[in-house]
Protein backbone atom coordinates (compact mmCIF):
# COMPACT_ATOMS: atom_id res chain seq x y z
CA UNK A 1 0.00 0.00 0.00
CA UNK A 2 1.18 3.47 -0.73
CA UNK A 3 0.35 6.06 1.90
CA UNK A 4 0.20 9.79 2.31
CA UNK A 5 -0.53 11.16 5.81
CA UNK A 6 -3.42 13.29 4.53
CA UNK A 7 -4.98 10.72 2.18
CA UNK A 8 -6.44 7.26 2.61
CA UNK A 9 -3.90 4.50 1.86
CA UNK A 10 -4.17 3.27 -1.73
CA UNK A 11 -3.82 -0.48 -2.33
CA UNK A 12 -1.18 -1.55 -4.82
CA UNK A 13 -2.43 -4.65 -6.68
CA UNK A 14 -0.17 -7.67 -6.84
CA UNK A 15 -0.17 -10.54 -9.33
CA UNK A 16 -2.61 -12.36 -7.03
CA UNK A 17 -4.86 -9.45 -6.06
CA UNK A 18 -5.11 -7.66 -9.42
CA UNK A 19 -8.36 -9.44 -10.51
CA UNK A 20 -9.98 -8.45 -7.19
CA UNK A 21 -8.99 -4.77 -7.52
CA UNK A 22 -9.95 -4.66 -11.22
CA UNK A 23 -13.39 -6.01 -10.27
CA UNK A 24 -13.77 -3.35 -7.56
CA UNK A 25 -12.86 -0.61 -10.07
CA UNK A 26 -15.62 -2.01 -12.32
CA UNK A 27 -18.17 -2.22 -9.49
CA UNK A 28 -17.91 -5.99 -8.99
CA UNK A 29 -16.95 -7.82 -5.79
CA UNK A 30 -14.86 -10.83 -6.84
CA UNK A 31 -13.44 -13.80 -4.97
CA UNK A 32 -11.74 -17.07 -5.86
CA UNK A 33 -13.50 -20.43 -5.94
CA UNK A 34 -11.84 -23.83 -6.00
CA UNK A 35 -12.66 -25.88 -9.10
CA UNK A 36 -12.01 -29.10 -7.17
CA UNK A 37 -13.79 -28.74 -3.81
CA UNK A 38 -15.99 -25.70 -4.55
CA UNK A 39 -14.64 -23.78 -1.54
CA UNK A 40 -14.75 -19.99 -1.54
CA UNK A 41 -11.37 -18.33 -1.10
CA UNK A 42 -10.54 -14.81 0.09
CA UNK A 43 -7.92 -13.27 0.38
CA UNK A 44 -6.41 -14.13 -3.01
CA UNK A 45 -4.26 -17.27 -2.85
CA UNK A 46 -2.22 -19.50 -5.16
CA UNK A 47 -3.92 -22.59 -3.73
CA UNK A 48 -7.15 -23.57 -2.01
CA UNK A 49 -6.85 -23.50 1.79
CA UNK A 50 -9.59 -26.16 1.98
CA UNK A 51 -8.07 -28.90 -0.25
CA UNK A 52 -4.72 -27.45 -1.45
CA UNK A 53 -5.75 -27.51 -5.12
CA UNK A 54 -4.18 -24.88 -7.38
CA UNK A 55 -7.29 -24.79 -9.60
CA UNK A 56 -8.80 -21.50 -8.42
CA UNK A 57 -11.05 -19.39 -10.62
CA UNK A 58 -12.34 -15.87 -10.12
CA UNK A 59 -16.08 -15.44 -9.54
CA UNK A 60 -18.30 -12.41 -9.16
CA UNK A 61 -20.10 -12.40 -5.83
CA UNK A 62 -23.53 -11.00 -5.05
CA UNK A 63 -22.04 -8.33 -2.79
CA UNK A 64 -24.57 -9.27 -0.10
CA UNK A 65 -23.82 -10.52 3.38
CA UNK A 66 -24.12 -9.89 7.10
CA UNK A 67 -21.92 -8.25 9.70
CA UNK A 68 -20.05 -11.09 11.41
CA UNK A 69 -18.10 -8.90 13.85
CA UNK A 70 -17.23 -5.22 14.19
CA UNK A 71 -15.49 -2.54 16.20
CA UNK A 72 -15.92 1.22 16.33
CA UNK A 73 -12.64 3.11 15.92
CA UNK A 74 -12.26 6.33 17.88
CA UNK A 75 -8.50 6.88 17.42
CA UNK A 76 -7.48 6.74 13.75
CA UNK A 77 -4.17 5.34 12.51
CA UNK A 78 -3.57 8.50 10.47
CA UNK A 79 -5.33 11.85 10.01
CA UNK A 80 -6.73 10.45 6.73
CA UNK A 81 -9.42 8.59 8.69
CA UNK A 82 -12.28 10.56 10.21
CA UNK A 83 -13.60 9.11 13.46
CA UNK A 84 -15.70 7.42 14.49
CA UNK A 85 -15.78 4.68 11.87
CA UNK A 86 -16.72 1.01 11.87
CA UNK A 87 -14.27 -1.74 10.96
CA UNK A 88 -16.14 -4.98 10.35
CA UNK A 89 -15.79 -8.53 9.18
CA UNK A 90 -18.59 -9.20 6.72
CA UNK A 91 -19.65 -12.74 5.91
CA UNK A 92 -20.68 -12.86 2.26
CA UNK A 93 -23.56 -14.99 0.97
CA UNK A 94 -21.06 -17.12 -1.00
CA UNK A 95 -19.38 -18.29 2.22
CA UNK A 96 -16.31 -16.11 2.57
CA UNK A 97 -15.43 -13.23 4.89
CA UNK A 98 -13.65 -9.92 4.38
CA UNK A 99 -12.56 -7.04 6.58
CA UNK A 100 -14.08 -3.73 5.52
CA UNK A 101 -15.80 -0.59 6.76
CA UNK A 102 -19.53 -0.11 7.31
CA UNK A 103 -20.62 3.20 5.78
CA UNK A 104 -23.82 5.22 5.36
CA UNK A 105 -24.92 4.16 8.82
CA UNK A 106 -24.66 5.61 12.33
CA UNK A 107 -21.96 3.72 14.25
CA UNK A 108 -24.48 3.00 17.04
CA UNK A 109 -26.83 1.27 14.58
CA UNK A 110 -24.37 -1.46 13.50
CA UNK A 111 -24.96 -4.93 14.96
CA UNK A 112 -23.80 -8.50 14.37
CA UNK A 113 -26.09 -10.18 11.87
CA UNK A 114 -27.02 -6.86 10.20
CA UNK A 115 -27.71 -7.39 6.48
CA UNK A 116 -25.32 -5.36 4.31
CA UNK A 117 -24.49 -4.89 0.64
CA UNK A 118 -21.34 -3.70 -1.07
CA UNK A 119 -20.79 -0.17 -2.29
CA UNK A 120 -17.64 1.08 -3.99
CA UNK A 121 -15.75 4.30 -3.31
CA UNK A 122 -13.25 5.39 -5.98
CA UNK A 123 -10.04 6.70 -4.40
CA UNK A 124 -7.99 7.05 -7.58
CA UNK A 125 -8.48 6.67 -11.33
CA UNK A 126 -7.71 2.95 -11.08
CA UNK A 127 -8.77 1.92 -7.56
CA UNK A 128 -12.13 1.69 -5.81
CA UNK A 129 -12.47 0.43 -2.26
CA UNK A 130 -15.30 -1.94 -1.33
CA UNK A 131 -17.31 -0.82 1.67
CA UNK A 132 -20.60 -2.17 2.99
CA UNK A 133 -23.81 -0.38 3.90
CA UNK A 134 -27.08 -1.50 5.49
CA UNK A 135 -29.30 -3.51 3.21
CA UNK A 136 -33.07 -3.94 3.27
CA UNK A 137 -32.93 -7.69 2.51
């Protein structure tokens, strides 16, 4: 990640993560799926953590899930982050989890099990960050 003390850190895609970040820039939340055992894989890997197969393919997820766990941050790592904000682990409908922020919601309204859906925030010409917001599902 490249950082600037007054701006949000910008992810630098790697060989493994480039399909994920390209999908985000296009408004799609992507993850890997094992062609052998069908397991969902995130964060990007060279092999399946479930069966050790190297036959992983990229899939587009629904972008829907629930808050699995969360914390409200009151002291930011850098001045680029306005407090308070919610850091959460979201469990996606396809069976994988990711760490993210919950946005467009009062921090006191977030709860475990809350239905959420992905929204993307462009932070550069080539990068959009996936965040999650409350969903009416």
